[in-house]
Amino acid sequence: MQLLCSLDTLPTDTSKGFQLNDISLLAVNKHDKVHVYLNQCPHRGVPLEWQPDQFLDLDKNFIQCATHGALFRIEDGECIAGPCPGEMLTAIPTKIDQGQVWVNLPST
């Protein structure tokens, strides 16, 4: 596993983008549980954010694709609205240990 960030840099109900080993990631802290996904829309293969670290809809309930407005559940990355219903963001295995967020990146 590789260190992604310190948990205190990702307050609850926020999102943040990361570049780790040339892999673009997004992390969301929802109710003190961190979810990490590849920063890539399954519909178009483009990055998801509106601007740096802005991955969430206005109510902070869903991850939203800036390109076409698709909404993805934070908890499992499933698209629930937009042009790719049922498609999934690629989840990255994550664990929190002693205030640090660790990820298990896919082989490149």
PDB file of N, CA and C in Angstrom:
ATOM      1  N   MET A   1       0.848  -1.185   0.000  1.00  0.00           N
ATOM      2  CA  MET A   1       0.000   0.000   0.000  1.00  0.00           C
ATOM      3  C   MET A   1       0.888   1.242   0.000  1.00  0.00           C
ATOM      4  N   GLN A   2       0.349   2.307  -0.561  1.00  0.00           N
ATOM      5  CA  GLN A   2       1.078   3.563  -0.642  1.00  0.00           C
ATOM      6  C   GLN A   2       0.322   4.651   0.102  1.00  0.00           C
ATOM      7  N   LEU A   3       1.078   5.547   0.711  1.00  0.00           N
ATOM      8  CA  LEU A   3       0.486   6.667   1.425  1.00  0.00           C
ATOM      9  C   LEU A   3      -0.125   7.648   0.429  1.00  0.00           C
ATOM     10  N   LEU A   4      -1.408   7.981   0.643  1.00  0.00           N
ATOM     11  CA  LEU A   4      -2.078   8.971  -0.197  1.00  0.00           C
ATOM     12  C   LEU A   4      -2.022  10.349   0.452  1.00  0.00           C
ATOM     13  N   CYS A   5      -2.446  10.419   1.724  1.00  0.00           N
ATOM     14  CA  CYS A   5      -2.462  11.705   2.418  1.00  0.00           C
ATOM     15  C   CYS A   5      -2.716  11.486   3.900  1.00  0.00           C
ATOM     16  N   SER A   6      -2.582  12.551   4.631  1.00  0.00           N
ATOM     17  CA  SER A   6      -2.973  12.562   6.028  1.00  0.00           C
ATOM     18  C   SER A   6      -4.480  12.822   6.078  1.00  0.00           C
ATOM     19  N   LEU A   7      -5.178  12.143   6.961  1.00  0.00           N
ATOM     20  CA  LEU A   7      -6.626  12.292   7.051  1.00  0.00           C
ATOM     21  C   LEU A   7      -7.031  13.730   7.349  1.00  0.00           C
ATOM     22  N   ASP A   8      -6.209  14.473   8.071  1.00  0.00           N
ATOM     23  CA  ASP A   8      -6.584  15.853   8.401  1.00  0.00           C
ATOM     24  C   ASP A   8      -6.530  16.790   7.191  1.00  0.00           C
ATOM     25  N   THR A   9      -5.967  16.354   6.059  1.00  0.00           N
ATOM     26  CA  THR A   9      -5.995  17.170   4.842  1.00  0.00           C
ATOM     27  C   THR A   9      -7.253  16.905   4.014  1.00  0.00           C
ATOM     28  N   LEU A  10      -8.112  15.997   4.501  1.00  0.00           N
ATOM     29  CA  LEU A  10      -9.343  15.644   3.798  1.00  0.00           C
ATOM     30  C   LEU A  10     -10.499  15.657   4.802  1.00  0.00           C
ATOM     31  N   PRO A  11     -10.936  16.858   5.207  1.00  0.00           N
ATOM     32  CA  PRO A  11     -12.017  16.949   6.195  1.00  0.00           C
ATOM     33  C   PRO A  11     -13.298  16.268   5.702  1.00  0.00           C
ATOM     34  N   THR A  12     -14.178  15.932   6.635  1.00  0.00           N
ATOM     35  CA  THR A  12     -15.430  15.280   6.264  1.00  0.00           C
ATOM     36  C   THR A  12     -16.229  16.134   5.285  1.00  0.00           C
ATOM     37  N   ASP A  13     -16.921  15.464   4.362  1.00  0.00           N
ATOM     38  CA  ASP A  13     -17.742  16.096   3.321  1.00  0.00           C
ATOM     39  C   ASP A  13     -16.939  16.959   2.351  1.00  0.00           C
ATOM     40  N   THR A  14     -15.686  16.557   2.092  1.00  0.00           N
ATOM     41  CA  THR A  14     -14.870  17.234   1.092  1.00  0.00           C
ATOM     42  C   THR A  14     -14.300  16.206   0.116  1.00  0.00           C
ATOM     43  N   SER A  15     -13.785  16.719  -0.990  1.00  0.00           N
ATOM     44  CA  SER A  15     -13.121  15.877  -1.988  1.00  0.00           C
ATOM     45  C   SER A  15     -11.792  16.514  -2.345  1.00  0.00           C
ATOM     46  N   LYS A  16     -10.898  15.680  -2.873  1.00  0.00           N
ATOM     47  CA  LYS A  16      -9.573  16.183  -3.239  1.00  0.00           C
ATOM     48  C   LYS A  16      -9.004  15.273  -4.322  1.00  0.00           C
ATOM     49  N   GLY A  17      -8.302  15.887  -5.264  1.00  0.00           N
ATOM     50  CA  GLY A  17      -7.628  15.133  -6.312  1.00  0.00           C
ATOM     51  C   GLY A  17      -6.180  14.870  -5.946  1.00  0.00           C
ATOM     52  N   PHE A  18      -5.647  13.757  -6.439  1.00  0.00           N
ATOM     53  CA  PHE A  18      -4.264  13.369  -6.172  1.00  0.00           C
ATOM     54  C   PHE A  18      -3.650  12.780  -7.428  1.00  0.00           C
ATOM     55  N   GLN A  19      -2.358  12.929  -7.559  1.00  0.00           N
ATOM     56  CA  GLN A  19      -1.585  12.283  -8.613  1.00  0.00           C
ATOM     57  C   GLN A  19      -0.575  11.399  -7.896  1.00  0.00           C
ATOM     58  N   LEU A  20      -0.634  10.102  -8.126  1.00  0.00           N
ATOM     59  CA  LEU A  20       0.245   9.164  -7.439  1.00  0.00           C
ATOM     60  C   LEU A  20       0.733   8.153  -8.470  1.00  0.00           C
ATOM     61  N   ASN A  21       2.049   8.106  -8.673  1.00  0.00           N
ATOM     62  CA  ASN A  21       2.628   7.193  -9.676  1.00  0.00           C
ATOM     63  C   ASN A  21       1.987   7.382 -11.044  1.00  0.00           C
ATOM     64  N   ASP A  22       1.790   8.612 -11.454  1.00  0.00           N
ATOM     65  CA  ASP A  22       1.168   8.949 -12.745  1.00  0.00           C
ATOM     66  C   ASP A  22      -0.278   8.474 -12.870  1.00  0.00           C
ATOM     67  N   ILE A  23      -0.913   8.182 -11.755  1.00  0.00           N
ATOM     68  CA  ILE A  23      -2.325   7.790 -11.744  1.00  0.00           C
ATOM     69  C   ILE A  23      -3.116   8.902 -11.077  1.00  0.00           C
ATOM     70  N   SER A  24      -4.153   9.373 -11.763  1.00  0.00           N
ATOM     71  CA  SER A  24      -4.996  10.440 -11.238  1.00  0.00           C
ATOM     72  C   SER A  24      -6.107   9.824 -10.381  1.00  0.00           C
ATOM     73  N   LEU A  25      -6.198  10.283  -9.140  1.00  0.00           N
ATOM     74  CA  LEU A  25      -7.159   9.755  -8.181  1.00  0.00           C
ATOM     75  C   LEU A  25      -8.027  10.868  -7.627  1.00  0.00           C
ATOM     76  N   LEU A  26      -9.179  10.485  -7.101  1.00  0.00           N
ATOM     77  CA  LEU A  26      -9.994  11.406  -6.321  1.00  0.00           C
ATOM     78  C   LEU A  26     -10.364  10.708  -5.025  1.00  0.00           C
ATOM     79  N   ALA A  27     -10.389  11.473  -3.967  1.00  0.00           N
ATOM     80  CA  ALA A  27     -10.762  10.945  -2.655  1.00  0.00           C
ATOM     81  C   ALA A  27     -11.899  11.793  -2.105  1.00  0.00           C
ATOM     82  N   VAL A  28     -12.859  11.127  -1.479  1.00  0.00           N
ATOM     83  CA  VAL A  28     -13.988  11.805  -0.849  1.00  0.00           C
ATOM     84  C   VAL A  28     -14.091  11.307   0.582  1.00  0.00           C
ATOM     85  N   ASN A  29     -14.188  12.235   1.514  1.00  0.00           N
ATOM     86  CA  ASN A  29     -14.440  11.888   2.906  1.00  0.00           C
ATOM     87  C   ASN A  29     -15.913  12.165   3.173  1.00  0.00           C
ATOM     88  N   LYS A  30     -16.688  11.114   3.287  1.00  0.00           N
ATOM     89  CA  LYS A  30     -18.133  11.235   3.540  1.00  0.00           C
ATOM     90  C   LYS A  30     -18.423  10.599   4.898  1.00  0.00           C
ATOM     91  N   HIS A  31     -18.856  11.410   5.845  1.00  0.00           N
ATOM     92  CA  HIS A  31     -19.158  10.942   7.199  1.00  0.00           C
ATOM     93  C   HIS A  31     -17.969  10.192   7.799  1.00  0.00           C
ATOM     94  N   ASP A  32     -16.768  10.740   7.604  1.00  0.00           N
ATOM     95  CA  ASP A  32     -15.532  10.190   8.149  1.00  0.00           C
ATOM     96  C   ASP A  32     -15.161   8.823   7.582  1.00  0.00           C
ATOM     97  N   LYS A  33     -15.688   8.468   6.423  1.00  0.00           N
ATOM     98  CA  LYS A  33     -15.241   7.284   5.696  1.00  0.00           C
ATOM     99  C   LYS A  33     -14.677   7.771   4.361  1.00  0.00           C
ATOM    100  N   VAL A  34     -13.456   7.361   4.049  1.00  0.00           N
ATOM    101  CA  VAL A  34     -12.777   7.830   2.844  1.00  0.00           C
ATOM    102  C   VAL A  34     -12.986   6.827   1.708  1.00  0.00           C
ATOM    103  N   HIS A  35     -13.416   7.348   0.562  1.00  0.00           N
ATOM    104  CA  HIS A  35     -13.621   6.564  -0.654  1.00  0.00           C
ATOM    105  C   HIS A  35     -12.671   7.118  -1.708  1.00  0.00           C
ATOM    106  N   VAL A  36     -11.913   6.228  -2.371  1.00  0.00           N
ATOM    107  CA  VAL A  36     -10.947   6.659  -3.379  1.00  0.00           C
ATOM    108  C   VAL A  36     -11.271   5.948  -4.696  1.00  0.00           C
ATOM    109  N   TYR A  37     -11.234   6.724  -5.786  1.00  0.00           N
ATOM    110  CA  TYR A  37     -11.530   6.207  -7.123  1.00  0.00           C
ATOM    111  C   TYR A  37     -10.512   6.753  -8.116  1.00  0.00           C
ATOM    112  N   LEU A  38     -10.357   6.050  -9.245  1.00  0.00           N
ATOM    113  CA  LEU A  38      -9.615   6.638 -10.345  1.00  0.00           C
ATOM    114  C   LEU A  38     -10.376   7.880 -10.795  1.00  0.00           C
ATOM    115  N   ASN A  39      -9.669   8.921 -11.122  1.00  0.00           N
ATOM    116  CA  ASN A  39     -10.294  10.159 -11.583  1.00  0.00           C
ATOM    117  C   ASN A  39     -10.539  10.042 -13.089  1.00  0.00           C
ATOM    118  N   GLN A  40     -11.541   9.223 -13.430  1.00  0.00           N
ATOM    119  CA  GLN A  40     -11.837   8.964 -14.833  1.00  0.00           C
ATOM    120  C   GLN A  40     -13.308   8.574 -14.974  1.00  0.00           C
ATOM    121  N   CYS A  41     -14.033   9.329 -15.768  1.00  0.00           N
ATOM    122  CA  CYS A  41     -15.432   9.022 -16.025  1.00  0.00           C
ATOM    123  C   CYS A  41     -15.525   7.738 -16.854  1.00  0.00           C
ATOM    124  N   PRO A  42     -16.365   6.791 -16.448  1.00  0.00           N
ATOM    125  CA  PRO A  42     -16.481   5.560 -17.230  1.00  0.00           C
ATOM    126  C   PRO A  42     -17.145   5.777 -18.586  1.00  0.00           C
ATOM    127  N   HIS A  43     -17.835   6.886 -18.767  1.00  0.00           N
ATOM    128  CA  HIS A  43     -18.532   7.172 -20.019  1.00  0.00           C
ATOM    129  C   HIS A  43     -17.590   7.725 -21.085  1.00  0.00           C
ATOM    130  N   ARG A  44     -16.768   8.696 -20.712  1.00  0.00           N
ATOM    131  CA  ARG A  44     -15.892   9.359 -21.678  1.00  0.00           C
ATOM    132  C   ARG A  44     -14.402   9.172 -21.406  1.00  0.00           C
ATOM    133  N   GLY A  45     -14.054   8.666 -20.230  1.00  0.00           N
ATOM    134  CA  GLY A  45     -12.640   8.500 -19.903  1.00  0.00           C
ATOM    135  C   GLY A  45     -11.928   9.786 -19.555  1.00  0.00           C
ATOM    136  N   VAL A  46     -12.689  10.842 -19.276  1.00  0.00           N
ATOM    137  CA  VAL A  46     -12.109  12.149 -18.954  1.00  0.00           C
ATOM    138  C   VAL A  46     -12.076  12.356 -17.439  1.00  0.00           C
ATOM    139  N   PRO A  47     -11.225  13.278 -16.958  1.00  0.00           N
ATOM    140  CA  PRO A  47     -11.239  13.603 -15.530  1.00  0.00           C
ATOM    141  C   PRO A  47     -12.614  14.133 -15.121  1.00  0.00           C
ATOM    142  N   LEU A  48     -12.961  13.942 -13.849  1.00  0.00           N
ATOM    143  CA  LEU A  48     -14.306  14.252 -13.362  1.00  0.00           C
ATOM    144  C   LEU A  48     -14.496  15.670 -12.825  1.00  0.00           C
ATOM    145  N   GLU A  49     -13.442  16.335 -12.357  1.00  0.00           N
ATOM    146  CA  GLU A  49     -13.627  17.559 -11.596  1.00  0.00           C
ATOM    147  C   GLU A  49     -13.983  18.772 -12.438  1.00  0.00           C
ATOM    148  N   TRP A  50     -14.722  19.685 -11.776  1.00  0.00           N
ATOM    149  CA  TRP A  50     -15.078  20.982 -12.354  1.00  0.00           C
ATOM    150  C   TRP A  50     -13.852  21.885 -12.375  1.00  0.00           C
ATOM    151  N   GLN A  51     -13.155  21.910 -11.277  1.00  0.00           N
ATOM    152  CA  GLN A  51     -11.921  22.656 -11.090  1.00  0.00           C
ATOM    153  C   GLN A  51     -11.149  21.878 -10.033  1.00  0.00           C
ATOM    154  N   PRO A  52      -9.901  22.222  -9.768  1.00  0.00           N
ATOM    155  CA  PRO A  52      -9.127  21.404  -8.833  1.00  0.00           C
ATOM    156  C   PRO A  52      -9.893  21.101  -7.525  1.00  0.00           C
ATOM    157  N   ASP A  53      -9.940  19.833  -7.182  1.00  0.00           N
ATOM    158  CA  ASP A  53     -10.544  19.322  -5.939  1.00  0.00           C
ATOM    159  C   ASP A  53     -12.061  19.500  -5.857  1.00  0.00           C
ATOM    160  N   GLN A  54     -12.727  19.805  -6.953  1.00  0.00           N
ATOM    161  CA  GLN A  54     -14.184  19.982  -6.962  1.00  0.00           C
ATOM    162  C   GLN A  54     -14.841  18.806  -7.680  1.00  0.00           C
ATOM    163  N   PHE A  55     -15.110  17.751  -6.932  1.00  0.00           N
ATOM    164  CA  PHE A  55     -15.681  16.537  -7.501  1.00  0.00           C
ATOM    165  C   PHE A  55     -17.141  16.322  -7.103  1.00  0.00           C
ATOM    166  N   LEU A  56     -17.623  17.070  -6.136  1.00  0.00           N
ATOM    167  CA  LEU A  56     -18.953  16.806  -5.583  1.00  0.00           C
ATOM    168  C   LEU A  56     -20.006  17.750  -6.155  1.00  0.00           C
ATOM    169  N   ASP A  57     -21.265  17.269  -6.164  1.00  0.00           N
ATOM    170  CA  ASP A  57     -22.374  18.136  -6.566  1.00  0.00           C
ATOM    171  C   ASP A  57     -22.573  19.210  -5.495  1.00  0.00           C
ATOM    172  N   LEU A  58     -23.468  20.151  -5.745  1.00  0.00           N
ATOM    173  CA  LEU A  58     -23.647  21.283  -4.825  1.00  0.00           C
ATOM    174  C   LEU A  58     -24.049  20.854  -3.418  1.00  0.00           C
ATOM    175  N   ASP A  59     -24.834  19.783  -3.297  1.00  0.00           N
ATOM    176  CA  ASP A  59     -25.276  19.307  -1.982  1.00  0.00           C
ATOM    177  C   ASP A  59     -24.276  18.356  -1.326  1.00  0.00           C
ATOM    178  N   LYS A  60     -23.184  18.050  -2.023  1.00  0.00           N
ATOM    179  CA  LYS A  60     -22.134  17.154  -1.527  1.00  0.00           C
ATOM    180  C   LYS A  60     -22.653  15.742  -1.254  1.00  0.00           C
ATOM    181  N   ASN A  61     -23.656  15.331  -2.051  1.00  0.00           N
ATOM    182  CA  ASN A  61     -24.223  13.988  -1.898  1.00  0.00           C
ATOM    183  C   ASN A  61     -23.692  13.004  -2.934  1.00  0.00           C
ATOM    184  N   PHE A  62     -23.167  13.517  -4.060  1.00  0.00           N
ATOM    185  CA  PHE A  62     -22.728  12.663  -5.155  1.00  0.00           C
ATOM    186  C   PHE A  62     -21.452  13.210  -5.771  1.00  0.00           C
ATOM    187  N   ILE A  63     -20.672  12.321  -6.387  1.00  0.00           N
ATOM    188  CA  ILE A  63     -19.570  12.730  -7.249  1.00  0.00           C
ATOM    189  C   ILE A  63     -20.217  13.095  -8.584  1.00  0.00           C
ATOM    190  N   GLN A  64     -19.828  14.225  -9.159  1.00  0.00           N
ATOM    191  CA  GLN A  64     -20.444  14.687 -10.399  1.00  0.00           C
ATOM    192  C   GLN A  64     -19.390  14.888 -11.474  1.00  0.00           C
ATOM    193  N   CYS A  65     -19.649  14.358 -12.667  1.00  0.00           N
ATOM    194  CA  CYS A  65     -18.755  14.539 -13.804  1.00  0.00           C
ATOM    195  C   CYS A  65     -18.971  15.930 -14.399  1.00  0.00           C
ATOM    196  N   ALA A  66     -17.902  16.691 -14.543  1.00  0.00           N
ATOM    197  CA  ALA A  66     -17.989  18.044 -15.092  1.00  0.00           C
ATOM    198  C   ALA A  66     -18.340  18.041 -16.576  1.00  0.00           C
ATOM    199  N   THR A  67     -18.024  16.986 -17.276  1.00  0.00           N
ATOM    200  CA  THR A  67     -18.249  16.958 -18.723  1.00  0.00           C
ATOM    201  C   THR A  67     -19.718  16.830 -19.078  1.00  0.00           C
ATOM    202  N   HIS A  68     -20.441  15.924 -18.412  1.00  0.00           N
ATOM    203  CA  HIS A  68     -21.841  15.722 -18.796  1.00  0.00           C
ATOM    204  C   HIS A  68     -22.802  15.601 -17.625  1.00  0.00           C
ATOM    205  N   GLY A  69     -22.341  15.895 -16.423  1.00  0.00           N
ATOM    206  CA  GLY A  69     -23.232  15.959 -15.271  1.00  0.00           C
ATOM    207  C   GLY A  69     -23.635  14.633 -14.672  1.00  0.00           C
ATOM    208  N   ALA A  70     -23.043  13.528 -15.100  1.00  0.00           N
ATOM    209  CA  ALA A  70     -23.381  12.228 -14.510  1.00  0.00           C
ATOM    210  C   ALA A  70     -23.138  12.272 -13.010  1.00  0.00           C
ATOM    211  N   LEU A  71     -24.008  11.611 -12.253  1.00  0.00           N
ATOM    212  CA  LEU A  71     -23.877  11.543 -10.799  1.00  0.00           C
ATOM    213  C   LEU A  71     -23.513  10.125 -10.384  1.00  0.00           C
ATOM    214  N   PHE A  72     -22.541  10.021  -9.495  1.00  0.00           N
ATOM    215  CA  PHE A  72     -22.064   8.737  -8.997  1.00  0.00           C
ATOM    216  C   PHE A  72     -22.209   8.713  -7.482  1.00  0.00           C
ATOM    217  N   ARG A  73     -22.701   7.597  -6.951  1.00  0.00           N
ATOM    218  CA  ARG A  73     -22.789   7.461  -5.492  1.00  0.00           C
ATOM    219  C   ARG A  73     -21.383   7.461  -4.908  1.00  0.00           C
ATOM    220  N   ILE A  74     -21.212   8.200  -3.842  1.00  0.00           N
ATOM    221  CA  ILE A  74     -19.917   8.277  -3.173  1.00  0.00           C
ATOM    222  C   ILE A  74     -19.530   6.921  -2.602  1.00  0.00           C
ATOM    223  N   GLU A  75     -20.488   6.202  -2.052  1.00  0.00           N
ATOM    224  CA  GLU A  75     -20.219   4.968  -1.319  1.00  0.00           C
ATOM    225  C   GLU A  75     -19.684   3.836  -2.189  1.00  0.00           C
ATOM    226  N   ASP A  76     -20.130   3.747  -3.462  1.00  0.00           N
ATOM    227  CA  ASP A  76     -19.688   2.627  -4.299  1.00  0.00           C
ATOM    228  C   ASP A  76     -19.317   3.023  -5.728  1.00  0.00           C
ATOM    229  N   GLY A  77     -19.460   4.296  -6.089  1.00  0.00           N
ATOM    230  CA  GLY A  77     -19.064   4.766  -7.406  1.00  0.00           C
ATOM    231  C   GLY A  77     -20.012   4.437  -8.538  1.00  0.00           C
ATOM    232  N   GLU A  78     -21.224   3.953  -8.225  1.00  0.00           N
ATOM    233  CA  GLU A  78     -22.176   3.616  -9.291  1.00  0.00           C
ATOM    234  C   GLU A  78     -22.845   4.861  -9.839  1.00  0.00           C
ATOM    235  N   CYS A  79     -22.938   4.933 -11.175  1.00  0.00           N
ATOM    236  CA  CYS A  79     -23.629   6.043 -11.831  1.00  0.00           C
ATOM    237  C   CYS A  79     -25.130   5.860 -11.648  1.00  0.00           C
ATOM    238  N   ILE A  80     -25.775   6.883 -11.107  1.00  0.00           N
ATOM    239  CA  ILE A  80     -27.225   6.798 -10.866  1.00  0.00           C
ATOM    240  C   ILE A  80     -28.007   7.796 -11.720  1.00  0.00           C
ATOM    241  N   ALA A  81     -27.303   8.689 -12.442  1.00  0.00           N
ATOM    242  CA  ALA A  81     -27.973   9.658 -13.311  1.00  0.00           C
ATOM    243  C   ALA A  81     -26.989  10.121 -14.372  1.00  0.00           C
ATOM    244  N   GLY A  82     -27.508  10.370 -15.571  1.00  0.00           N
ATOM    245  CA  GLY A  82     -26.663  10.812 -16.668  1.00  0.00           C
ATOM    246  C   GLY A  82     -26.578   9.745 -17.747  1.00  0.00           C
ATOM    247  N   PRO A  83     -25.602   9.865 -18.642  1.00  0.00           N
ATOM    248  CA  PRO A  83     -25.534   8.983 -19.806  1.00  0.00           C
ATOM    249  C   PRO A  83     -24.962   7.590 -19.551  1.00  0.00           C
ATOM    250  N   CYS A  84     -24.554   7.301 -18.325  1.00  0.00           N
ATOM    251  CA  CYS A  84     -23.921   5.998 -18.078  1.00  0.00           C
ATOM    252  C   CYS A  84     -24.499   5.281 -16.860  1.00  0.00           C
ATOM    253  N   PRO A  85     -25.843   5.221 -16.713  1.00  0.00           N
ATOM    254  CA  PRO A  85     -26.410   4.577 -15.531  1.00  0.00           C
ATOM    255  C   PRO A  85     -25.948   3.130 -15.399  1.00  0.00           C
ATOM    256  N   GLY A  86     -25.617   2.776 -14.160  1.00  0.00           N
ATOM    257  CA  GLY A  86     -25.166   1.425 -13.866  1.00  0.00           C
ATOM    258  C   GLY A  86     -23.673   1.220 -14.036  1.00  0.00           C
ATOM    259  N   GLU A  87     -22.997   2.111 -14.767  1.00  0.00           N
ATOM    260  CA  GLU A  87     -21.544   1.998 -14.886  1.00  0.00           C
ATOM    261  C   GLU A  87     -20.913   2.457 -13.573  1.00  0.00           C
ATOM    262  N   MET A  88     -19.677   2.054 -13.354  1.00  0.00           N
ATOM    263  CA  MET A  88     -19.028   2.291 -12.069  1.00  0.00           C
ATOM    264  C   MET A  88     -17.710   3.044 -12.234  1.00  0.00           C
ATOM    265  N   LEU A  89     -17.430   3.918 -11.279  1.00  0.00           N
ATOM    266  CA  LEU A  89     -16.080   4.447 -11.148  1.00  0.00           C
ATOM    267  C   LEU A  89     -15.200   3.297 -10.669  1.00  0.00           C
ATOM    268  N   THR A  90     -13.917   3.367 -10.981  1.00  0.00           N
ATOM    269  CA  THR A  90     -12.984   2.323 -10.543  1.00  0.00           C
ATOM    270  C   THR A  90     -12.530   2.614  -9.122  1.00  0.00           C
ATOM    271  N   ALA A  91     -12.974   1.773  -8.188  1.00  0.00           N
ATOM    272  CA  ALA A  91     -12.634   1.948  -6.778  1.00  0.00           C
ATOM    273  C   ALA A  91     -11.195   1.509  -6.516  1.00  0.00           C
ATOM    274  N   ILE A  92     -10.551   2.217  -5.624  1.00  0.00           N
ATOM    275  CA  ILE A  92      -9.188   1.906  -5.204  1.00  0.00           C
ATOM    276  C   ILE A  92      -9.242   1.425  -3.751  1.00  0.00           C
ATOM    277  N   PRO A  93      -8.740   0.214  -3.468  1.00  0.00           N
ATOM    278  CA  PRO A  93      -8.737  -0.256  -2.082  1.00  0.00           C
ATOM    279  C   PRO A  93      -8.006   0.733  -1.176  1.00  0.00           C
ATOM    280  N   THR A  94      -8.653   1.048  -0.056  1.00  0.00           N
ATOM    281  CA  THR A  94      -8.177   2.106   0.835  1.00  0.00           C
ATOM    282  C   THR A  94      -8.250   1.650   2.280  1.00  0.00           C
ATOM    283  N   LYS A  95      -7.301   2.089   3.077  1.00  0.00           N
ATOM    284  CA  LYS A  95      -7.400   1.880   4.527  1.00  0.00           C
ATOM    285  C   LYS A  95      -6.853   3.104   5.232  1.00  0.00           C
ATOM    286  N   ILE A  96      -7.363   3.315   6.433  1.00  0.00           N
ATOM    287  CA  ILE A  96      -6.884   4.407   7.271  1.00  0.00           C
ATOM    288  C   ILE A  96      -6.163   3.791   8.456  1.00  0.00           C
ATOM    289  N   ASP A  97      -4.942   4.253   8.679  1.00  0.00           N
ATOM    290  CA  ASP A  97      -4.136   3.736   9.776  1.00  0.00           C
ATOM    291  C   ASP A  97      -3.425   4.909  10.437  1.00  0.00           C
ATOM    292  N   GLN A  98      -3.682   5.106  11.704  1.00  0.00           N
ATOM    293  CA  GLN A  98      -3.049   6.154  12.502  1.00  0.00           C
ATOM    294  C   GLN A  98      -3.130   7.522  11.818  1.00  0.00           C
ATOM    295  N   GLY A  99      -4.327   7.853  11.321  1.00  0.00           N
ATOM    296  CA  GLY A  99      -4.560   9.162  10.743  1.00  0.00           C
ATOM    297  C   GLY A  99      -4.011   9.346   9.336  1.00  0.00           C
ATOM    298  N   GLN A 100      -3.570   8.271   8.707  1.00  0.00           N
ATOM    299  CA  GLN A 100      -3.051   8.324   7.351  1.00  0.00           C
ATOM    300  C   GLN A 100      -3.938   7.505   6.409  1.00  0.00           C
ATOM    301  N   VAL A 101      -4.148   8.009   5.201  1.00  0.00           N
ATOM    302  CA  VAL A 101      -4.928   7.302   4.195  1.00  0.00           C
ATOM    303  C   VAL A 101      -3.969   6.576   3.266  1.00  0.00           C
ATOM    304  N   TRP A 102      -4.135   5.257   3.173  1.00  0.00           N
ATOM    305  CA  TRP A 102      -3.290   4.403   2.347  1.00  0.00           C
ATOM    306  C   TRP A 102      -4.123   3.806   1.220  1.00  0.00           C
ATOM    307  N   VAL A 103      -3.517   3.656   0.046  1.00  0.00           N
ATOM    308  CA  VAL A 103      -4.215   3.085  -1.104  1.00  0.00           C
ATOM    309  C   VAL A 103      -3.395   1.954  -1.708  1.00  0.00           C
ATOM    310  N   ASN A 104      -4.113   1.021  -2.335  1.00  0.00           N
ATOM    311  CA  ASN A 104      -3.469  -0.078  -3.038  1.00  0.00           C
ATOM    312  C   ASN A 104      -3.741   0.153  -4.527  1.00  0.00           C
ATOM    313  N   LEU A 105      -2.768   0.733  -5.211  1.00  0.00           N
ATOM    314  CA  LEU A 105      -2.933   1.100  -6.616  1.00  0.00           C
ATOM    315  C   LEU A 105      -2.881  -0.119  -7.525  1.00  0.00           C
ATOM    316  N   PRO A 106      -3.628  -0.054  -8.642  1.00  0.00           N
ATOM    317  CA  PRO A 106      -3.560  -1.143  -9.615  1.00  0.00           C
ATOM    318  C   PRO A 106      -2.186  -1.152 -10.291  1.00  0.00           C
ATOM    319  N   SER A 107      -1.804  -2.295 -10.785  1.00  0.00           N
ATOM    320  CA  SER A 107      -0.533  -2.404 -11.541  1.00  0.00           C
ATOM    321  C   SER A 107      -0.685  -1.644 -12.843  1.00  0.00           C
ATOM    322  N   THR A 108       0.396  -0.967 -13.232  1.00  0.00           N
ATOM    323  CA  THR A 108       0.338  -0.205 -14.487  1.00  0.00           C
ATOM    324  C   THR A 108       1.061  -0.926 -15.584  1.00  0.00           C
TER     325      THR A 108
END
